[in-house]
């Protein structure tokens, strides 16, 4: 029993240390404020969770209630961390709502009658599991379109480990409720094997974050190429061919992928990814394609002959599946909504004003 407790304390301490490293490295980096804040909150909650679920550590520090509260919203904060890193979401009241809901349920749970308490436990675990599944979908989405190789590896690492962990933990928690004894108990976070899984996840994340550069999580700056004159000339030629293909409305093709584009240009896919990211400054392939769509949209919105064409019709014609993504992409590129931009363009001169 003493050996088991010693192992539990060790693996939980290892995982907590890895999460602390993540928080420090990201906090001192030049990454965006939302990524740094989400990472700090997620790391703090995971560390608190690890401490609370390790009986030797929990007893040694006097079982502080505040630490228990900090651990409660861990599922919501991990979800927010994933969305801040991979989907550029902001830390705001709306995105903090799932974590707040988990915190409220956790605070209320001990005060509820036993029959309602079990229901609250089930709801909290279902919410955490649902958030983890959505986070996995966000990590997986646009994986192939990601142009930053380091971030693509980070996606793979985080997706595989976190999804495995969530499936095992949620499954073992519900099995424990159905049958209090069984081999699945060893996979709970409070047990050495479960703690070891968390330690592996945290250590792997820590190792990945230790290699993080700002470009791995944000848009890359346009580079000037390397020192090799022949390589530089080859890159310029490839960029010209790529520009000619896209300017000929290659971006309109249905199902256009970076792999297909690389094959058409007869160049390795990894080289095309690097050029679009480092030389043209795009975060992912969708951002690159959108740049051509937005330019086409601007021309049409500024055309008096299309003044009566709805913004939605233009968006659908340019290949957007709905108006929301078009509005977000257009605003990100121009700082204005399509409607605002059209109004400004059509009132920029008397001739355009009369055409309206």
Protein backbone atom coordinates (compact mmCIF):
# COMPACT_ATOMS: atom_id res chain seq x y z
CA UNK A 1 0.00 0.00 0.00
CA UNK A 2 2.85 2.35 0.90
CA UNK A 3 4.57 1.58 -2.41
CA UNK A 4 1.35 2.33 -4.30
CA UNK A 5 0.98 5.68 -2.54
CA UNK A 6 4.62 6.51 -3.23
CA UNK A 7 4.19 5.73 -6.93
CA UNK A 8 0.99 7.79 -7.02
CA UNK A 9 2.70 10.79 -5.44
CA UNK A 10 5.62 10.49 -7.87
CA UNK A 11 3.62 10.27 -11.10
CA UNK A 12 1.21 13.00 -10.03
CA UNK A 13 4.11 15.22 -9.05
CA UNK A 14 5.75 14.55 -12.44
CA UNK A 15 2.56 15.52 -14.28
CA UNK A 16 2.06 18.62 -12.14
CA UNK A 17 5.64 19.67 -12.80
CA UNK A 18 5.20 19.27 -16.56
CA UNK A 19 2.05 21.38 -16.50
CA UNK A 20 3.84 24.05 -14.47
CA UNK A 21 6.62 24.12 -17.08
CA UNK A 22 4.02 24.60 -19.80
CA UNK A 23 2.47 27.54 -17.96
CA UNK A 24 5.85 29.21 -17.36
CA UNK A 25 7.18 28.73 -20.89
CA UNK A 26 4.00 29.94 -22.59
CA UNK A 27 3.54 32.77 -20.07
CA UNK A 28 7.01 34.13 -20.82
CA UNK A 29 6.67 33.71 -24.58
CA UNK A 30 5.51 36.24 -27.15
CA UNK A 31 2.43 34.21 -28.01
CA UNK A 32 -0.93 35.99 -28.13
CA UNK A 33 -2.57 37.04 -24.88
CA UNK A 34 -5.50 34.64 -25.35
CA UNK A 35 -3.20 31.63 -25.76
CA UNK A 36 -1.15 32.64 -22.71
CA UNK A 37 -4.21 33.22 -20.51
CA UNK A 38 -5.94 30.00 -21.61
CA UNK A 39 -2.74 28.00 -21.05
CA UNK A 40 -2.22 29.47 -17.58
CA UNK A 41 -5.80 28.73 -16.48
CA UNK A 42 -5.81 25.22 -17.96
CA UNK A 43 -2.43 24.37 -16.43
CA UNK A 44 -3.46 25.65 -12.98
CA UNK A 45 -6.66 23.61 -13.06
CA UNK A 46 -4.88 20.43 -14.18
CA UNK A 47 -2.24 20.84 -11.46
CA UNK A 48 -4.97 21.31 -8.84
CA UNK A 49 -6.82 18.26 -10.21
CA UNK A 50 -3.68 16.13 -10.01
CA UNK A 51 -3.00 17.21 -6.43
CA UNK A 52 -6.59 16.61 -5.32
CA UNK A 53 -6.66 13.13 -6.87
CA UNK A 54 -3.38 12.05 -5.27
CA UNK A 55 -4.26 11.03 -1.73
CA UNK A 56 -0.67 11.25 -0.37
CA UNK A 57 -0.14 14.79 -1.73
CA UNK A 58 -3.69 15.87 -0.85
CA UNK A 59 -3.30 14.76 2.75
CA UNK A 60 0.20 16.20 3.05
CA UNK A 61 -0.93 19.73 2.17
CA UNK A 62 -3.96 19.71 4.45
CA UNK A 63 -6.75 19.12 1.87
CA UNK A 64 -7.33 22.81 0.95
CA UNK A 65 -10.88 23.42 -0.33
CA UNK A 66 -9.73 26.22 -2.64
CA UNK A 67 -7.53 23.81 -4.58
CA UNK A 68 -10.51 21.49 -4.97
CA UNK A 69 -12.51 24.37 -6.48
CA UNK A 70 -9.71 25.22 -8.93
CA UNK A 71 -9.68 21.61 -10.15
CA UNK A 72 -13.44 21.46 -10.82
CA UNK A 73 -13.61 23.27 -14.21
CA UNK A 74 -10.63 21.42 -15.72
CA UNK A 75 -12.67 20.01 -18.63
CA UNK A 76 -13.95 23.43 -19.66
CA UNK A 77 -10.53 25.05 -19.36
CA UNK A 78 -8.84 22.34 -21.43
CA UNK A 79 -11.52 22.91 -24.09
CA UNK A 80 -10.81 26.65 -24.02
CA UNK A 81 -7.05 26.00 -24.28
CA UNK A 82 -7.54 23.90 -27.42
CA UNK A 83 -9.81 26.49 -29.05
CA UNK A 84 -7.47 29.36 -28.20
CA UNK A 85 -4.47 27.52 -29.68
CA UNK A 86 -6.02 25.94 -32.78
CA UNK A 87 -9.07 28.07 -33.56
CA UNK A 88 -7.92 31.55 -32.41
CA UNK A 89 -10.83 31.88 -29.99
CA UNK A 90 -10.69 34.65 -27.41
CA UNK A 91 -10.86 34.23 -23.65
CA UNK A 92 -14.22 35.91 -23.01
CA UNK A 93 -17.31 35.40 -20.82
CA UNK A 94 -18.95 33.25 -23.51
CA UNK A 95 -15.95 30.93 -23.96
CA UNK A 96 -15.51 30.70 -20.17
CA UNK A 97 -19.17 29.68 -19.72
CA UNK A 98 -18.57 25.87 -19.91
CA UNK A 99 -15.86 26.09 -17.25
CA UNK A 100 -18.13 28.29 -15.11
CA UNK A 101 -20.97 25.76 -15.46
CA UNK A 102 -18.70 22.92 -14.34
CA UNK A 103 -17.52 25.02 -11.40
CA UNK A 104 -21.08 25.79 -10.30
CA UNK A 105 -22.10 22.13 -10.52
CA UNK A 106 -19.01 21.14 -8.54
CA UNK A 107 -19.75 23.70 -5.81
CA UNK A 108 -23.41 22.71 -5.59
CA UNK A 109 -22.90 18.95 -5.76
CA UNK A 110 -21.97 18.32 -2.06
CA UNK A 111 -24.96 20.40 -0.95
CA UNK A 112 -27.53 18.43 -2.94
CA UNK A 113 -29.59 15.45 -1.75
CA UNK A 114 -27.91 12.09 -2.51
CA UNK A 115 -30.22 11.20 -5.41
CA UNK A 116 -29.70 14.60 -7.06
CA UNK A 117 -25.99 14.53 -6.25
CA UNK A 118 -25.52 11.46 -8.43
CA UNK A 119 -27.36 13.18 -11.26
CA UNK A 120 -25.13 16.26 -10.90
CA UNK A 121 -22.04 14.01 -11.03
CA UNK A 122 -23.33 12.38 -14.22
CA UNK A 123 -24.12 15.72 -15.84
CA UNK A 124 -20.71 17.13 -14.96
CA UNK A 125 -18.90 14.13 -16.45
CA UNK A 126 -21.06 14.16 -19.58
CA UNK A 127 -20.34 17.87 -20.08
CA UNK A 128 -16.61 17.28 -19.62
CA UNK A 129 -16.69 14.34 -22.03
CA UNK A 130 -18.64 16.33 -24.62
CA UNK A 131 -16.23 19.25 -24.37
CA UNK A 132 -13.28 16.88 -24.79
CA UNK A 133 -14.84 15.36 -27.91
CA UNK A 134 -15.44 18.81 -29.38
CA UNK A 135 -11.86 19.78 -28.55
CA UNK A 136 -10.66 16.67 -30.38
CA UNK A 137 -12.75 17.67 -33.40
CA UNK A 138 -11.20 21.15 -33.37
CA UNK A 139 -7.70 19.66 -33.22
CA UNK A 140 -8.49 17.30 -36.09
CA UNK A 141 -10.27 19.92 -38.21
CA UNK A 142 -8.02 21.63 -40.74
CA UNK A 143 -5.16 19.33 -39.74
CA UNK A 144 -4.18 18.76 -43.35
CA UNK A 145 -4.54 22.47 -44.15
CA UNK A 146 -2.15 23.51 -41.37
CA UNK A 147 1.01 24.89 -42.99
CA UNK A 148 3.21 24.92 -39.87
CA UNK A 149 4.83 21.51 -39.53
CA UNK A 150 5.59 21.95 -35.83
CA UNK A 151 2.00 22.84 -35.08
CA UNK A 152 0.77 19.84 -37.12
CA UNK A 153 2.93 17.53 -34.96
CA UNK A 154 1.57 19.25 -31.86
CA UNK A 155 -1.96 18.60 -33.09
CA UNK A 156 -1.20 14.90 -33.56
CA UNK A 157 0.40 14.57 -30.14
CA UNK A 158 -2.33 16.42 -28.28
CA UNK A 159 -5.17 14.72 -30.14
CA UNK A 160 -3.96 11.16 -29.69
CA UNK A 161 -3.00 11.47 -26.03
CA UNK A 162 -5.90 13.62 -24.83
CA UNK A 163 -8.58 11.59 -26.62
CA UNK A 164 -7.16 8.32 -25.28
CA UNK A 165 -7.03 9.76 -21.79
CA UNK A 166 -10.58 11.15 -21.87
CA UNK A 167 -12.04 7.89 -23.23
CA UNK A 168 -10.29 5.85 -20.53
CA UNK A 169 -11.09 8.26 -17.67
CA UNK A 170 -14.76 8.88 -18.46
CA UNK A 171 -15.28 5.19 -19.19
CA UNK A 172 -13.62 4.04 -15.96
CA UNK A 173 -15.54 6.65 -13.93
CA UNK A 174 -18.91 5.37 -15.15
CA UNK A 175 -17.82 1.73 -14.78
CA UNK A 176 -16.80 2.50 -11.21
CA UNK A 177 -20.31 3.80 -10.54
CA UNK A 178 -21.85 0.64 -11.97
CA UNK A 179 -19.40 -1.72 -10.28
CA UNK A 180 -17.25 -0.27 -7.45
CA UNK A 181 -14.62 -2.99 -7.83
CA UNK A 182 -12.91 -4.07 -11.00
CA UNK A 183 -9.70 -3.75 -13.04
CA UNK A 184 -10.79 -0.36 -14.41
CA UNK A 185 -10.11 1.23 -11.02
CA UNK A 186 -6.38 1.27 -11.80
CA UNK A 187 -7.05 3.73 -14.65
CA UNK A 188 -8.60 6.42 -12.44
CA UNK A 189 -6.51 9.54 -12.02
CA UNK A 190 -6.10 8.93 -8.30
CA UNK A 191 -4.48 5.54 -8.97
CA UNK A 192 -0.85 5.08 -10.07
CA UNK A 193 -1.70 3.87 -13.61
CA UNK A 194 -4.20 6.67 -14.18
CA UNK A 195 -1.74 9.18 -12.79
CA UNK A 196 0.92 7.77 -15.10
CA UNK A 197 -1.35 8.41 -18.09
CA UNK A 198 -1.79 12.03 -17.01
CA UNK A 199 1.96 12.32 -16.48
CA UNK A 200 2.61 11.01 -19.99
CA UNK A 201 0.13 13.50 -21.47
CA UNK A 202 1.48 16.43 -19.47
CA UNK A 203 5.13 15.54 -20.09
CA UNK A 204 4.53 15.20 -23.83
CA UNK A 205 2.74 18.56 -23.91
CA UNK A 206 5.56 20.08 -21.90
CA UNK A 207 8.18 18.72 -24.31
CA UNK A 208 6.23 20.12 -27.26
CA UNK A 209 5.74 23.53 -25.67
CA UNK A 210 9.43 23.77 -24.76
CA UNK A 211 10.11 23.87 -28.51
CA UNK A 212 7.34 26.38 -29.23
CA UNK A 213 8.06 29.46 -31.29
CA UNK A 214 5.47 32.23 -31.80
CA UNK A 215 5.09 31.19 -35.44
CA UNK A 216 3.91 27.75 -34.34
CA UNK A 217 0.67 29.19 -33.00
CA UNK A 218 0.27 32.42 -34.92
CA UNK A 219 0.51 33.68 -38.46
CA UNK A 220 4.00 33.59 -39.86
CA UNK A 221 5.77 36.63 -41.15
CA UNK A 222 6.83 36.79 -44.72
CA UNK A 223 10.42 35.74 -45.08
CA UNK A 224 13.13 36.79 -47.46
CA UNK A 225 14.20 33.25 -48.30
CA UNK A 226 17.50 31.56 -47.67
CA UNK A 227 21.04 32.42 -48.54
CA UNK A 228 21.29 29.86 -51.37
CA UNK A 229 20.78 31.85 -54.60
CA UNK A 230 19.64 28.81 -56.61
CA UNK A 231 17.13 27.77 -53.96
CA UNK A 232 15.90 31.34 -53.74
CA UNK A 233 15.41 31.51 -57.51
CA UNK A 234 13.57 28.17 -57.48
CA UNK A 235 11.31 29.40 -54.69
CA UNK A 236 10.51 32.60 -56.56
CA UNK A 237 9.67 30.61 -59.69
CA UNK A 238 7.38 28.29 -57.75
CA UNK A 239 5.65 31.25 -56.10
CA UNK A 240 5.10 32.83 -59.52
CA UNK A 241 3.60 29.60 -60.89
CA UNK A 242 1.41 29.28 -57.81
CA UNK A 243 0.27 32.89 -58.17
CA UNK A 244 -0.55 32.42 -61.85
CA UNK A 245 -2.57 29.29 -61.14
CA UNK A 246 -4.54 30.93 -58.33
CA UNK A 247 -5.05 34.18 -60.24
CA UNK A 248 -6.64 32.13 -63.01
CA UNK A 249 -9.33 31.35 -60.43
CA UNK A 250 -7.79 28.05 -59.42
CA UNK A 251 -9.16 28.83 -55.97
CA UNK A 252 -12.68 28.24 -57.31
CA UNK A 253 -12.07 24.53 -57.83
CA UNK A 254 -14.27 22.31 -55.72
CA UNK A 255 -12.34 20.15 -53.28
CA UNK A 256 -9.08 22.02 -53.78
CA UNK A 257 -6.40 20.67 -51.40
CA UNK A 258 -2.79 21.55 -50.83
CA UNK A 259 -1.84 18.02 -51.85
CA UNK A 260 -3.62 18.37 -55.18
CA UNK A 261 -2.08 21.79 -55.72
CA UNK A 262 1.40 20.43 -55.01
CA UNK A 263 0.86 17.60 -57.49
CA UNK A 264 -0.29 20.05 -60.17
CA UNK A 265 2.76 22.22 -59.58
CA UNK A 266 4.97 19.10 -59.54
CA UNK A 267 6.56 19.97 -56.20
CA UNK A 268 6.73 18.18 -52.84
CA UNK A 269 3.81 19.03 -50.57
CA UNK A 270 6.07 19.95 -47.64
CA UNK A 271 7.89 22.49 -49.81
CA UNK A 272 4.62 24.11 -50.90
CA UNK A 273 3.46 24.25 -47.27
CA UNK A 274 6.69 25.99 -46.26
CA UNK A 275 6.50 28.55 -49.07
CA UNK A 276 2.86 29.48 -48.45
CA UNK A 277 3.53 29.82 -44.73
CA UNK A 278 7.00 31.38 -44.59
CA UNK A 279 7.16 33.31 -47.85
CA UNK A 280 3.52 34.33 -48.31
CA UNK A 281 2.71 34.64 -44.60
CA UNK A 282 -0.40 32.46 -44.35
CA UNK A 283 -1.25 30.47 -41.22
CA UNK A 284 -3.04 27.65 -43.02
CA UNK A 285 -4.17 26.60 -46.48
CA UNK A 286 -7.72 27.85 -45.92
CA UNK A 287 -6.33 31.29 -45.07
CA UNK A 288 -4.32 31.25 -48.31
CA UNK A 289 -7.35 30.32 -50.44
CA UNK A 290 -9.50 32.84 -48.59
CA UNK A 291 -7.13 35.65 -49.52
CA UNK A 292 -8.11 35.17 -53.18
CA UNK A 293 -11.78 34.81 -52.34
CA UNK A 294 -11.75 38.03 -50.30
CA UNK A 295 -10.09 39.96 -53.12
CA UNK A 296 -12.74 38.70 -55.53
CA UNK A 297 -15.43 39.66 -53.02
CA UNK A 298 -14.02 43.17 -52.68
CA UNK A 299 -14.13 43.65 -56.45
CA UNK A 300 -17.73 42.52 -56.63
CA UNK A 301 -18.85 44.53 -53.61
CA UNK A 302 -17.32 47.68 -55.12
CA UNK A 303 -18.92 47.09 -58.52
CA UNK A 304 -22.00 49.36 -59.04
CA UNK A 305 -23.45 46.74 -61.41
CA UNK A 306 -23.64 44.31 -58.46
CA UNK A 307 -25.02 46.81 -55.97
CA UNK A 308 -28.31 44.90 -55.78
CA UNK A 309 -26.66 41.48 -55.42
CA UNK A 310 -26.93 40.37 -51.81
CA UNK A 311 -23.84 39.73 -49.73
CA UNK A 312 -25.04 36.18 -49.14
CA UNK A 313 -25.31 35.52 -52.89
CA UNK A 314 -21.75 36.76 -53.41
CA UNK A 315 -20.50 34.61 -50.52
CA UNK A 316 -22.15 31.45 -51.88
CA UNK A 317 -20.88 32.17 -55.38
CA UNK A 318 -17.33 32.46 -54.05
CA UNK A 319 -17.50 29.03 -52.49
CA UNK A 320 -18.50 29.73 -48.90
CA UNK A 321 -20.98 27.29 -47.45
CA UNK A 322 -22.68 29.90 -45.28
CA UNK A 323 -22.61 33.62 -44.59
CA UNK A 324 -20.97 33.38 -41.14
CA UNK A 325 -17.53 32.13 -42.25
CA UNK A 326 -17.50 34.67 -45.10
CA UNK A 327 -18.29 37.56 -42.74
CA UNK A 328 -15.57 36.46 -40.29
CA UNK A 329 -12.95 36.00 -43.00
CA UNK A 330 -13.82 39.32 -44.64
CA UNK A 331 -13.71 41.23 -41.36
CA UNK A 332 -10.38 39.61 -40.42
CA UNK A 333 -8.89 40.70 -43.76
CA UNK A 334 -10.36 44.21 -44.03
CA UNK A 335 -11.42 45.24 -40.54
CA UNK A 336 -15.01 45.79 -41.73
CA UNK A 337 -18.04 43.66 -42.49
CA UNK A 338 -18.88 43.10 -46.18
CA UNK A 339 -21.88 45.42 -45.86
CA UNK A 340 -19.81 48.20 -44.28
CA UNK A 341 -17.05 47.78 -46.85
CA UNK A 342 -19.54 47.88 -49.74
CA UNK A 343 -21.15 51.06 -48.37
CA UNK A 344 -17.79 52.79 -48.10
CA UNK A 345 -16.70 51.64 -51.58
CA UNK A 346 -19.91 52.70 -53.30
CA UNK A 347 -19.92 56.13 -51.66
CA UNK A 348 -16.25 56.83 -52.34
CA UNK A 349 -17.01 58.80 -55.50
CA UNK A 350 -20.04 60.66 -56.95
CA UNK A 351 -20.16 58.27 -59.89
CA UNK A 352 -20.45 55.21 -57.68
CA UNK A 353 -22.94 56.99 -55.43
CA UNK A 354 -25.19 57.76 -58.41
CA UNK A 355 -24.97 54.12 -59.53
CA UNK A 356 -26.50 52.98 -56.25
